[in-house]
PDB file of all heavy atoms in Angstrom:
ATOM      1  N   GLY A   1       4.771   4.416  -2.564  1.00  0.00           N
ATOM      2  CA  GLY A   1       4.246   4.962  -1.318  1.00  0.00           C
ATOM      3  C   GLY A   1       3.116   5.953  -1.492  1.00  0.00           C
ATOM      4  O   GLY A   1       2.507   6.369  -0.507  1.00  0.00           O
ATOM      5  N   SER A   2       2.790   6.344  -2.741  1.00  0.00           N
ATOM      6  CA  SER A   2       1.710   7.319  -2.938  1.00  0.00           C
ATOM      7  C   SER A   2       0.358   6.647  -2.707  1.00  0.00           C
ATOM      8  O   SER A   2       0.190   5.444  -2.951  1.00  0.00           O
ATOM      9  CB  SER A   2       1.763   7.907  -4.345  1.00  0.00           C
ATOM     10  OG  SER A   2       1.412   6.930  -5.307  1.00  0.00           O
ATOM     11  N   ILE A   3      -0.611   7.441  -2.249  1.00  0.00           N
ATOM     12  CA  ILE A   3      -1.951   6.913  -1.982  1.00  0.00           C
ATOM     13  C   ILE A   3      -2.564   6.345  -3.254  1.00  0.00           C
ATOM     14  O   ILE A   3      -3.172   5.264  -3.250  1.00  0.00           O
ATOM     15  CB  ILE A   3      -2.848   8.020  -1.387  1.00  0.00           C
ATOM     16  CG1 ILE A   3      -2.346   8.409   0.003  1.00  0.00           C
ATOM     17  CG2 ILE A   3      -4.301   7.543  -1.315  1.00  0.00           C
ATOM     18  CD1 ILE A   3      -3.098   9.566   0.622  1.00  0.00           C
ATOM     19  N   ALA A   4      -2.383   7.053  -4.372  1.00  0.00           N
ATOM     20  CA  ALA A   4      -2.973   6.617  -5.632  1.00  0.00           C
ATOM     21  C   ALA A   4      -2.413   5.266  -6.068  1.00  0.00           C
ATOM     22  O   ALA A   4      -3.164   4.390  -6.530  1.00  0.00           O
ATOM     23  CB  ALA A   4      -2.710   7.669  -6.712  1.00  0.00           C
ATOM     24  N   GLU A   5      -1.090   5.084  -5.919  1.00  0.00           N
ATOM     25  CA  GLU A   5      -0.461   3.828  -6.343  1.00  0.00           C
ATOM     26  C   GLU A   5      -0.909   2.673  -5.461  1.00  0.00           C
ATOM     27  O   GLU A   5      -1.242   1.584  -5.953  1.00  0.00           O
ATOM     28  CB  GLU A   5       1.059   3.959  -6.311  1.00  0.00           C
ATOM     29  CG  GLU A   5       1.769   2.724  -6.865  1.00  0.00           C
ATOM     30  CD  GLU A   5       3.283   2.890  -6.887  1.00  0.00           C
ATOM     31  OE1 GLU A   5       3.781   3.976  -6.528  1.00  0.00           O
ATOM     32  OE2 GLU A   5       3.963   1.918  -7.259  1.00  0.00           O
ATOM     33  N   VAL A   6      -0.947   2.908  -4.148  1.00  0.00           N
ATOM     34  CA  VAL A   6      -1.376   1.849  -3.226  1.00  0.00           C
ATOM     35  C   VAL A   6      -2.825   1.482  -3.490  1.00  0.00           C
ATOM     36  O   VAL A   6      -3.200   0.302  -3.517  1.00  0.00           O
ATOM     37  CB  VAL A   6      -1.159   2.289  -1.763  1.00  0.00           C
ATOM     38  CG1 VAL A   6      -1.785   1.272  -0.801  1.00  0.00           C
ATOM     39  CG2 VAL A   6       0.324   2.448  -1.444  1.00  0.00           C
ATOM     40  N   LYS A   7      -3.673   2.485  -3.704  1.00  0.00           N
ATOM     41  CA  LYS A   7      -5.099   2.235  -3.976  1.00  0.00           C
ATOM     42  C   LYS A   7      -5.265   1.421  -5.255  1.00  0.00           C
ATOM     43  O   LYS A   7      -6.080   0.490  -5.301  1.00  0.00           O
ATOM     44  CB  LYS A   7      -5.857   3.557  -4.091  1.00  0.00           C
ATOM     45  CG  LYS A   7      -7.358   3.392  -4.331  1.00  0.00           C
ATOM     46  CD  LYS A   7      -8.055   4.731  -4.384  1.00  0.00           C
ATOM     47  CE  LYS A   7      -9.550   4.540  -4.556  1.00  0.00           C
ATOM     48  NZ  LYS A   7      -9.898   3.803  -5.797  1.00  0.00           N
ATOM     49  N   ASP A   8      -4.493   1.752  -6.298  1.00  0.00           N
ATOM     50  CA  ASP A   8      -4.592   1.028  -7.562  1.00  0.00           C
ATOM     51  C   ASP A   8      -4.228  -0.445  -7.379  1.00  0.00           C
ATOM     52  O   ASP A   8      -4.915  -1.337  -7.886  1.00  0.00           O
ATOM     53  CB  ASP A   8      -3.677   1.678  -8.601  1.00  0.00           C
ATOM     54  CG  ASP A   8      -3.739   0.959  -9.936  1.00  0.00           C
ATOM     55  OD1 ASP A   8      -4.833   0.922 -10.544  1.00  0.00           O
ATOM     56  OD2 ASP A   8      -2.698   0.420 -10.364  1.00  0.00           O
ATOM     57  N   ILE A   9      -3.157  -0.718  -6.632  1.00  0.00           N
ATOM     58  CA  ILE A   9      -2.731  -2.100  -6.378  1.00  0.00           C
ATOM     59  C   ILE A   9      -3.793  -2.844  -5.576  1.00  0.00           C
ATOM     60  O   ILE A   9      -4.137  -3.998  -5.888  1.00  0.00           O
ATOM     61  CB  ILE A   9      -1.383  -2.117  -5.639  1.00  0.00           C
ATOM     62  CG1 ILE A   9      -0.278  -1.610  -6.574  1.00  0.00           C
ATOM     63  CG2 ILE A   9      -1.055  -3.520  -5.133  1.00  0.00           C
ATOM     64  CD1 ILE A   9       1.048  -1.398  -5.878  1.00  0.00           C
ATOM     65  N   LEU A  10      -4.332  -2.185  -4.550  1.00  0.00           N
ATOM     66  CA  LEU A  10      -5.356  -2.825  -3.715  1.00  0.00           C
ATOM     67  C   LEU A  10      -6.596  -3.149  -4.539  1.00  0.00           C
ATOM     68  O   LEU A  10      -7.175  -4.231  -4.392  1.00  0.00           O
ATOM     69  CB  LEU A  10      -5.716  -1.916  -2.539  1.00  0.00           C
ATOM     70  CG  LEU A  10      -4.626  -1.686  -1.486  1.00  0.00           C
ATOM     71  CD1 LEU A  10      -5.123  -0.730  -0.411  1.00  0.00           C
ATOM     72  CD2 LEU A  10      -4.208  -3.007  -0.855  1.00  0.00           C
ATOM     73  N   ASP A  11      -6.992  -2.239  -5.410  1.00  0.00           N
ATOM     74  CA  ASP A  11      -8.174  -2.488  -6.249  1.00  0.00           C
ATOM     75  C   ASP A  11      -7.957  -3.706  -7.139  1.00  0.00           C
ATOM     76  O   ASP A  11      -8.854  -4.557  -7.286  1.00  0.00           O
ATOM     77  CB  ASP A  11      -8.467  -1.257  -7.118  1.00  0.00           C
ATOM     78  CG  ASP A  11      -9.031  -0.091  -6.321  1.00  0.00           C
ATOM     79  OD1 ASP A  11      -9.507  -0.331  -5.198  1.00  0.00           O
ATOM     80  OD2 ASP A  11      -8.978   1.053  -6.815  1.00  0.00           O
ATOM     81  N   ARG A  12      -6.759  -3.829  -7.713  1.00  0.00           N
ATOM     82  CA  ARG A  12      -6.472  -4.945  -8.611  1.00  0.00           C
ATOM     83  C   ARG A  12      -6.420  -6.269  -7.841  1.00  0.00           C
ATOM     84  O   ARG A  12      -6.901  -7.298  -8.309  1.00  0.00           O
ATOM     85  CB  ARG A  12      -5.155  -4.709  -9.355  1.00  0.00           C
ATOM     86  CG  ARG A  12      -5.295  -3.690 -10.476  1.00  0.00           C
ATOM     87  CD  ARG A  12      -4.047  -3.601 -11.343  1.00  0.00           C
ATOM     88  NE  ARG A  12      -3.001  -2.812 -10.714  1.00  0.00           N
ATOM     89  CZ  ARG A  12      -1.831  -3.272 -10.328  1.00  0.00           C
ATOM     90  NH1 ARG A  12      -1.536  -4.553 -10.475  1.00  0.00           N
ATOM     91  NH2 ARG A  12      -0.935  -2.470  -9.788  1.00  0.00           N
ATOM     92  N   LEU A  13      -5.834  -6.222  -6.648  1.00  0.00           N
ATOM     93  CA  LEU A  13      -5.739  -7.441  -5.849  1.00  0.00           C
ATOM     94  C   LEU A  13      -7.094  -7.890  -5.334  1.00  0.00           C
ATOM     95  O   LEU A  13      -7.374  -9.097  -5.271  1.00  0.00           O
ATOM     96  CB  LEU A  13      -4.781  -7.220  -4.675  1.00  0.00           C
ATOM     97  CG  LEU A  13      -3.290  -7.134  -5.013  1.00  0.00           C
ATOM     98  CD1 LEU A  13      -2.471  -6.834  -3.760  1.00  0.00           C
ATOM     99  CD2 LEU A  13      -2.805  -8.430  -5.651  1.00  0.00           C
ATOM    100  N   VAL A  14      -7.928  -6.956  -4.969  1.00  0.00           N
ATOM    101  CA  VAL A  14      -9.259  -7.296  -4.459  1.00  0.00           C
ATOM    102  C   VAL A  14     -10.049  -8.074  -5.508  1.00  0.00           C
ATOM    103  O   VAL A  14     -10.749  -9.044  -5.201  1.00  0.00           O
ATOM    104  CB  VAL A  14     -10.025  -6.021  -4.033  1.00  0.00           C
ATOM    105  CG1 VAL A  14     -11.514  -6.333  -3.864  1.00  0.00           C
ATOM    106  CG2 VAL A  14      -9.455  -5.470  -2.741  1.00  0.00           C
ATOM    107  N   HIS A  15      -9.914  -7.686  -6.763  1.00  0.00           N
ATOM    108  CA  HIS A  15     -10.671  -8.333  -7.829  1.00  0.00           C
ATOM    109  C   HIS A  15     -10.104  -9.703  -8.211  1.00  0.00           C
ATOM    110  O   HIS A  15     -10.821 -10.548  -8.747  1.00  0.00           O
ATOM    111  CB  HIS A  15     -10.714  -7.431  -9.070  1.00  0.00           C
ATOM    112  CG  HIS A  15     -11.601  -6.235  -8.905  1.00  0.00           C
ATOM    113  ND1 HIS A  15     -11.116  -4.969  -8.657  1.00  0.00           N
ATOM    114  CD2 HIS A  15     -12.952  -6.119  -8.927  1.00  0.00           C
ATOM    115  CE1 HIS A  15     -12.113  -4.121  -8.543  1.00  0.00           C
ATOM    116  NE2 HIS A  15     -13.254  -4.798  -8.713  1.00  0.00           N
ATOM    117  N   SER A  16      -8.824  -9.916  -7.940  1.00  0.00           N
ATOM    118  CA  SER A  16      -8.208 -11.183  -8.351  1.00  0.00           C
ATOM    119  C   SER A  16      -8.005 -12.156  -7.192  1.00  0.00           C
ATOM    120  O   SER A  16      -7.718 -13.330  -7.426  1.00  0.00           O
ATOM    121  CB  SER A  16      -6.839 -10.902  -9.012  1.00  0.00           C
ATOM    122  OG  SER A  16      -5.954 -10.288  -8.075  1.00  0.00           O
ATOM    123  N   ALA A  17      -8.165 -11.709  -5.967  1.00  0.00           N
ATOM    124  CA  ALA A  17      -7.905 -12.559  -4.808  1.00  0.00           C
ATOM    125  C   ALA A  17      -9.027 -13.566  -4.581  1.00  0.00           C
ATOM    126  O   ALA A  17     -10.195 -13.286  -4.843  1.00  0.00           O
ATOM    127  CB  ALA A  17      -7.722 -11.694  -3.562  1.00  0.00           C
ATOM    128  N   ASP A  18      -8.657 -14.754  -4.090  1.00  0.00           N
ATOM    129  CA  ASP A  18      -9.645 -15.772  -3.757  1.00  0.00           C
ATOM    130  C   ASP A  18     -10.208 -15.516  -2.368  1.00  0.00           C
ATOM    131  O   ASP A  18      -9.644 -14.770  -1.560  1.00  0.00           O
ATOM    132  CB  ASP A  18      -8.994 -17.162  -3.784  1.00  0.00           C
ATOM    133  CG  ASP A  18      -8.509 -17.534  -5.181  1.00  0.00           C
ATOM    134  OD1 ASP A  18      -9.124 -17.068  -6.166  1.00  0.00           O
ATOM    135  OD2 ASP A  18      -7.508 -18.283  -5.267  1.00  0.00           O
ATOM    136  N   ALA A  19     -11.296 -16.184  -2.068  1.00  0.00           N
ATOM    137  CA  ALA A  19     -11.897 -16.077  -0.744  1.00  0.00           C
ATOM    138  C   ALA A  19     -10.910 -16.588   0.307  1.00  0.00           C
ATOM    139  O   ALA A  19     -10.211 -17.570   0.097  1.00  0.00           O
ATOM    140  CB  ALA A  19     -13.187 -16.893  -0.696  1.00  0.00           C
ATOM    141  N   GLY A  20     -10.855 -15.916   1.410  1.00  0.00           N
ATOM    142  CA  GLY A  20      -9.957 -16.314   2.497  1.00  0.00           C
ATOM    143  C   GLY A  20      -8.625 -15.613   2.456  1.00  0.00           C
ATOM    144  O   GLY A  20      -7.870 -15.641   3.435  1.00  0.00           O
ATOM    145  N   MET A  21      -8.311 -14.993   1.324  1.00  0.00           N
ATOM    146  CA  MET A  21      -7.059 -14.242   1.237  1.00  0.00           C
ATOM    147  C   MET A  21      -7.211 -12.884   1.900  1.00  0.00           C
ATOM    148  O   MET A  21      -8.313 -12.344   2.017  1.00  0.00           O
ATOM    149  CB  MET A  21      -6.640 -14.052  -0.221  1.00  0.00           C
ATOM    150  CG  MET A  21      -6.177 -15.320  -0.904  1.00  0.00           C
ATOM    151  SD  MET A  21      -5.548 -14.991  -2.565  1.00  0.00           S
ATOM    152  CE  MET A  21      -5.011 -16.634  -3.040  1.00  0.00           C
ATOM    153  N   ARG A  22      -6.071 -12.326   2.337  1.00  0.00           N
ATOM    154  CA  ARG A  22      -6.115 -10.996   2.924  1.00  0.00           C
ATOM    155  C   ARG A  22      -4.907 -10.183   2.467  1.00  0.00           C
ATOM    156  O   ARG A  22      -3.903 -10.733   2.021  1.00  0.00           O
ATOM    157  CB  ARG A  22      -6.177 -11.063   4.453  1.00  0.00           C
ATOM    158  CG  ARG A  22      -4.947 -11.576   5.136  1.00  0.00           C
ATOM    159  CD  ARG A  22      -5.173 -11.680   6.642  1.00  0.00           C
ATOM    160  NE  ARG A  22      -3.956 -12.062   7.350  1.00  0.00           N
ATOM    161  CZ  ARG A  22      -3.033 -11.211   7.772  1.00  0.00           C
ATOM    162  NH1 ARG A  22      -3.178  -9.913   7.537  1.00  0.00           N
ATOM    163  NH2 ARG A  22      -1.962 -11.634   8.395  1.00  0.00           N
ATOM    164  N   ILE A  23      -5.035  -8.891   2.590  1.00  0.00           N
ATOM    165  CA  ILE A  23      -4.007  -7.964   2.131  1.00  0.00           C
ATOM    166  C   ILE A  23      -3.458  -7.187   3.324  1.00  0.00           C
ATOM    167  O   ILE A  23      -4.208  -6.786   4.219  1.00  0.00           O
ATOM    168  CB  ILE A  23      -4.590  -6.985   1.084  1.00  0.00           C
ATOM    169  CG1 ILE A  23      -4.959  -7.742  -0.196  1.00  0.00           C
ATOM    170  CG2 ILE A  23      -3.607  -5.861   0.775  1.00  0.00           C
ATOM    171  CD1 ILE A  23      -5.763  -6.906  -1.178  1.00  0.00           C
ATOM    172  N   SER A  24      -2.138  -6.986   3.339  1.00  0.00           N
ATOM    173  CA  SER A  24      -1.520  -6.163   4.382  1.00  0.00           C
ATOM    174  C   SER A  24      -0.487  -5.249   3.730  1.00  0.00           C
ATOM    175  O   SER A  24      -0.016  -5.503   2.628  1.00  0.00           O
ATOM    176  CB  SER A  24      -0.863  -7.036   5.454  1.00  0.00           C
ATOM    177  OG  SER A  24       0.166  -7.832   4.893  1.00  0.00           O
ATOM    178  N   ILE A  25      -0.152  -4.168   4.425  1.00  0.00           N
ATOM    179  CA  ILE A  25       0.835  -3.203   3.943  1.00  0.00           C
ATOM    180  C   ILE A  25       1.908  -3.042   5.014  1.00  0.00           C
ATOM    181  O   ILE A  25       1.603  -2.916   6.192  1.00  0.00           O
ATOM    182  CB  ILE A  25       0.183  -1.835   3.653  1.00  0.00           C
ATOM    183  CG1 ILE A  25      -0.911  -1.986   2.597  1.00  0.00           C
ATOM    184  CG2 ILE A  25       1.232  -0.823   3.179  1.00  0.00           C
ATOM    185  CD1 ILE A  25      -1.680  -0.707   2.340  1.00  0.00           C
ATOM    186  N   ARG A  26       3.175  -3.105   4.591  1.00  0.00           N
ATOM    187  CA  ARG A  26       4.278  -2.955   5.538  1.00  0.00           C
ATOM    188  C   ARG A  26       5.368  -2.089   4.955  1.00  0.00           C
ATOM    189  O   ARG A  26       5.410  -1.831   3.755  1.00  0.00           O
ATOM    190  CB  ARG A  26       4.865  -4.333   5.902  1.00  0.00           C
ATOM    191  CG  ARG A  26       5.473  -5.072   4.723  1.00  0.00           C
ATOM    192  CD  ARG A  26       6.245  -6.285   5.177  1.00  0.00           C
ATOM    193  NE  ARG A  26       6.731  -7.089   4.053  1.00  0.00           N
ATOM    194  CZ  ARG A  26       7.795  -6.806   3.328  1.00  0.00           C
ATOM    195  NH1 ARG A  26       8.515  -5.699   3.586  1.00  0.00           N
ATOM    196  NH2 ARG A  26       8.178  -7.596   2.333  1.00  0.00           N
ATOM    197  N   ARG A  27       6.261  -1.640   5.840  1.00  0.00           N
ATOM    198  CA  ARG A  27       7.424  -0.890   5.401  1.00  0.00           C
ATOM    199  C   ARG A  27       8.441  -1.845   4.781  1.00  0.00           C
ATOM    200  O   ARG A  27       8.468  -3.040   5.102  1.00  0.00           O
ATOM    201  CB  ARG A  27       8.070  -0.178   6.592  1.00  0.00           C
ATOM    202  CG  ARG A  27       7.201   0.872   7.243  1.00  0.00           C
ATOM    203  CD  ARG A  27       7.011   2.083   6.337  1.00  0.00           C
ATOM    204  NE  ARG A  27       8.280   2.769   6.104  1.00  0.00           N
ATOM    205  CZ  ARG A  27       8.469   3.688   5.167  1.00  0.00           C
ATOM    206  NH1 ARG A  27       7.476   3.988   4.349  1.00  0.00           N
ATOM    207  NH2 ARG A  27       9.642   4.277   5.034  1.00  0.00           N
ATOM    208  N   PRO A  28       9.299  -1.371   3.885  1.00  0.00           N
ATOM    209  CA  PRO A  28      10.322  -2.238   3.291  1.00  0.00           C
ATOM    210  C   PRO A  28      11.270  -2.784   4.355  1.00  0.00           C
ATOM    211  O   PRO A  28      11.546  -2.119   5.368  1.00  0.00           O
ATOM    212  CB  PRO A  28      11.070  -1.303   2.332  1.00  0.00           C
ATOM    213  CG  PRO A  28      10.117  -0.200   2.041  1.00  0.00           C
ATOM    214  CD  PRO A  28       9.323  -0.017   3.308  1.00  0.00           C
ATOM    215  N   SER A  29      11.766  -3.993   4.144  1.00  0.00           N
ATOM    216  CA  SER A  29      12.738  -4.625   5.029  1.00  0.00           C
ATOM    217  C   SER A  29      14.063  -4.780   4.296  1.00  0.00           C
ATOM    218  O   SER A  29      14.155  -4.551   3.087  1.00  0.00           O
ATOM    219  CB  SER A  29      12.234  -6.007   5.465  1.00  0.00           C
ATOM    220  OG  SER A  29      12.221  -6.884   4.347  1.00  0.00           O
ATOM    221  N   LEU A  30      15.087  -5.224   5.019  1.00  0.00           N
ATOM    222  CA  LEU A  30      16.371  -5.487   4.370  1.00  0.00           C
ATOM    223  C   LEU A  30      16.254  -6.640   3.378  1.00  0.00           C
ATOM    224  O   LEU A  30      17.028  -6.724   2.428  1.00  0.00           O
ATOM    225  CB  LEU A  30      17.445  -5.794   5.404  1.00  0.00           C
ATOM    226  CG  LEU A  30      18.104  -4.592   6.071  1.00  0.00           C
ATOM    227  CD1 LEU A  30      19.203  -5.050   7.022  1.00  0.00           C
ATOM    228  CD2 LEU A  30      18.680  -3.632   5.046  1.00  0.00           C
ATOM    229  N   ASP A  31      15.287  -7.537   3.589  1.00  0.00           N
ATOM    230  CA  ASP A  31      15.047  -8.608   2.618  1.00  0.00           C
ATOM    231  C   ASP A  31      14.708  -8.005   1.254  1.00  0.00           C
ATOM    232  O   ASP A  31      15.223  -8.444   0.213  1.00  0.00           O
ATOM    233  CB  ASP A  31      13.867  -9.496   3.063  1.00  0.00           C
ATOM    234  CG  ASP A  31      14.115 -10.209   4.356  1.00  0.00           C
ATOM    235  OD1 ASP A  31      14.500  -9.532   5.325  1.00  0.00           O
ATOM    236  OD2 ASP A  31      13.908 -11.422   4.403  1.00  0.00           O
ATOM    237  N   ASP A  32      13.844  -6.982   1.253  1.00  0.00           N
ATOM    238  CA  ASP A  32      13.457  -6.327   0.015  1.00  0.00           C
ATOM    239  C   ASP A  32      14.659  -5.636  -0.630  1.00  0.00           C
ATOM    240  O   ASP A  32      14.832  -5.668  -1.856  1.00  0.00           O
ATOM    241  CB  ASP A  32      12.354  -5.298   0.283  1.00  0.00           C
ATOM    242  CG  ASP A  32      11.133  -5.906   0.937  1.00  0.00           C
ATOM    243  OD1 ASP A  32      10.635  -6.933   0.428  1.00  0.00           O
ATOM    244  OD2 ASP A  32      10.689  -5.377   1.970  1.00  0.00           O
ATOM    245  N   VAL A  33      15.482  -5.004   0.210  1.00  0.00           N
ATOM    246  CA  VAL A  33      16.681  -4.332  -0.296  1.00  0.00           C
ATOM    247  C   VAL A  33      17.612  -5.343  -0.951  1.00  0.00           C
ATOM    248  O   VAL A  33      18.108  -5.135  -2.065  1.00  0.00           O
ATOM    249  CB  VAL A  33      17.430  -3.606   0.846  1.00  0.00           C
ATOM    250  CG1 VAL A  33      18.731  -3.010   0.340  1.00  0.00           C
ATOM    251  CG2 VAL A  33      16.558  -2.520   1.459  1.00  0.00           C
ATOM    252  N   PHE A  34      17.848  -6.450  -0.260  1.00  0.00           N
ATOM    253  CA  PHE A  34      18.773  -7.468  -0.760  1.00  0.00           C
ATOM    254  C   PHE A  34      18.300  -8.020  -2.106  1.00  0.00           C
ATOM    255  O   PHE A  34      19.077  -8.153  -3.046  1.00  0.00           O
ATOM    256  CB  PHE A  34      18.893  -8.590   0.273  1.00  0.00           C
ATOM    257  CG  PHE A  34      20.027  -9.535   0.012  1.00  0.00           C
ATOM    258  CD1 PHE A  34      21.307  -9.249   0.458  1.00  0.00           C
ATOM    259  CD2 PHE A  34      19.821 -10.719  -0.674  1.00  0.00           C
ATOM    260  CE1 PHE A  34      22.362 -10.109   0.220  1.00  0.00           C
ATOM    261  CE2 PHE A  34      20.868 -11.595  -0.923  1.00  0.00           C
ATOM    262  CZ  PHE A  34      22.149 -11.281  -0.463  1.00  0.00           C
ATOM    263  N   LEU A  35      17.023  -8.304  -2.196  1.00  0.00           N
ATOM    264  CA  LEU A  35      16.464  -8.834  -3.443  1.00  0.00           C
ATOM    265  C   LEU A  35      16.556  -7.800  -4.567  1.00  0.00           C
ATOM    266  O   LEU A  35      16.933  -8.122  -5.694  1.00  0.00           O
ATOM    267  CB  LEU A  35      15.009  -9.247  -3.234  1.00  0.00           C
ATOM    268  CG  LEU A  35      14.269  -9.806  -4.457  1.00  0.00           C
ATOM    269  CD1 LEU A  35      14.976 -11.031  -4.993  1.00  0.00           C
ATOM    270  CD2 LEU A  35      12.831 -10.120  -4.098  1.00  0.00           C
ATOM    271  N   ALA A  36      16.247  -6.541  -4.254  1.00  0.00           N
ATOM    272  CA  ALA A  36      16.259  -5.493  -5.275  1.00  0.00           C
ATOM    273  C   ALA A  36      17.673  -5.226  -5.793  1.00  0.00           C
ATOM    274  O   ALA A  36      17.870  -4.975  -6.983  1.00  0.00           O
ATOM    275  CB  ALA A  36      15.668  -4.207  -4.698  1.00  0.00           C
ATOM    276  N   LEU A  37      18.659  -5.305  -4.904  1.00  0.00           N
ATOM    277  CA  LEU A  37      20.024  -4.950  -5.281  1.00  0.00           C
ATOM    278  C   LEU A  37      20.799  -6.103  -5.919  1.00  0.00           C
ATOM    279  O   LEU A  37      21.665  -5.886  -6.768  1.00  0.00           O
ATOM    280  CB  LEU A  37      20.799  -4.455  -4.057  1.00  0.00           C
ATOM    281  CG  LEU A  37      20.332  -3.116  -3.471  1.00  0.00           C
ATOM    282  CD1 LEU A  37      21.057  -2.830  -2.162  1.00  0.00           C
ATOM    283  CD2 LEU A  37      20.559  -1.982  -4.460  1.00  0.00           C
ATOM    284  N   THR A  38      20.522  -7.337  -5.501  1.00  0.00           N
ATOM    285  CA  THR A  38      21.325  -8.467  -5.969  1.00  0.00           C
ATOM    286  C   THR A  38      20.547  -9.404  -6.872  1.00  0.00           C
ATOM    287  O   THR A  38      21.156 -10.263  -7.525  1.00  0.00           O
ATOM    288  CB  THR A  38      21.853  -9.287  -4.778  1.00  0.00           C
ATOM    289  OG1 THR A  38      20.762  -9.949  -4.123  1.00  0.00           O
ATOM    290  CG2 THR A  38      22.580  -8.401  -3.776  1.00  0.00           C
ATOM    291  N   GLY A  39      19.218  -9.294  -6.875  1.00  0.00           N
ATOM    292  CA  GLY A  39      18.409 -10.209  -7.682  1.00  0.00           C
ATOM    293  C   GLY A  39      18.321 -11.583  -7.078  1.00  0.00           C
ATOM    294  O   GLY A  39      17.877 -12.535  -7.701  1.00  0.00           O
ATOM    295  N   GLU A  40      18.762 -11.720  -5.790  1.00  0.00           N
ATOM    296  CA  GLU A  40      18.727 -13.018  -5.111  1.00  0.00           C
ATOM    297  C   GLU A  40      17.981 -12.892  -3.805  1.00  0.00           C
ATOM    298  O   GLU A  40      17.974 -11.853  -3.168  1.00  0.00           O
ATOM    299  CB  GLU A  40      20.140 -13.528  -4.843  1.00  0.00           C
ATOM    300  CG  GLU A  40      20.964 -13.719  -6.093  1.00  0.00           C
ATOM    301  CD  GLU A  40      22.195 -14.553  -5.826  1.00  0.00           C
ATOM    302  OE1 GLU A  40      22.158 -15.354  -4.859  1.00  0.00           O
ATOM    303  OE2 GLU A  40      23.172 -14.423  -6.566  1.00  0.00           O
ATOM    304  N   GLU A  41      17.343 -14.013  -3.400  1.00  0.00           N
ATOM    305  CA  GLU A  41      16.711 -14.046  -2.093  1.00  0.00           C
ATOM    306  C   GLU A  41      17.780 -14.050  -1.035  1.00  0.00           C
ATOM    307  O   GLU A  41      18.930 -14.395  -1.279  1.00  0.00           O
ATOM    308  CB  GLU A  41      15.835 -15.301  -1.952  1.00  0.00           C
ATOM    309  CG  GLU A  41      14.712 -15.399  -2.967  1.00  0.00           C
ATOM    310  CD  GLU A  41      13.609 -14.405  -2.719  1.00  0.00           C
ATOM    311  OE1 GLU A  41      13.605 -13.769  -1.635  1.00  0.00           O
ATOM    312  OE2 GLU A  41      12.744 -14.241  -3.600  1.00  0.00           O
ATOM    313  N   LYS A  42      17.420 -13.656   0.186  1.00  0.00           N
ATOM    314  CA  LYS A  42      18.390 -13.756   1.285  1.00  0.00           C
ATOM    315  C   LYS A  42      18.824 -15.198   1.430  1.00  0.00           C
ATOM    316  O   LYS A  42      18.073 -16.134   1.176  1.00  0.00           O
ATOM    317  CB  LYS A  42      17.772 -13.241   2.597  1.00  0.00           C
ATOM    318  CG  LYS A  42      16.519 -13.993   3.033  1.00  0.00           C
ATOM    319  CD  LYS A  42      15.974 -13.401   4.309  1.00  0.00           C
ATOM    320  CE  LYS A  42      14.698 -14.141   4.726  1.00  0.00           C
ATOM    321  NZ  LYS A  42      14.160 -13.663   5.993  1.00  0.00           N
ATOM    322  N   GLU A  43      20.051 -15.412   1.875  1.00  0.00           N
ATOM    323  CA  GLU A  43      20.643 -16.732   1.848  1.00  0.00           C
ATOM    324  C   GLU A  43      20.140 -17.663   2.944  1.00  0.00           C
ATOM    325  O   GLU A  43      19.992 -18.846   2.772  1.00  0.00           O
ATOM    326  CB  GLU A  43      22.175 -16.599   1.961  1.00  0.00           C
ATOM    327  CG  GLU A  43      22.748 -15.831   0.779  1.00  0.00           C
ATOM    328  CD  GLU A  43      24.146 -15.351   1.034  1.00  0.00           C
ATOM    329  OE1 GLU A  43      24.755 -15.806   2.023  1.00  0.00           O
ATOM    330  OE2 GLU A  43      24.635 -14.511   0.271  1.00  0.00           O
TER     331      GLU A  43
END
């Protein structure tokens, strides 16, 4: 969530992304929690 970390990720993605791709930022969801805690996608 730090500005420096987000900026670093955005810089790396901008250089590797193809034309037509776009970047968005969102808050974590329960999907992210489930994956982080169980190592599995939601069922």
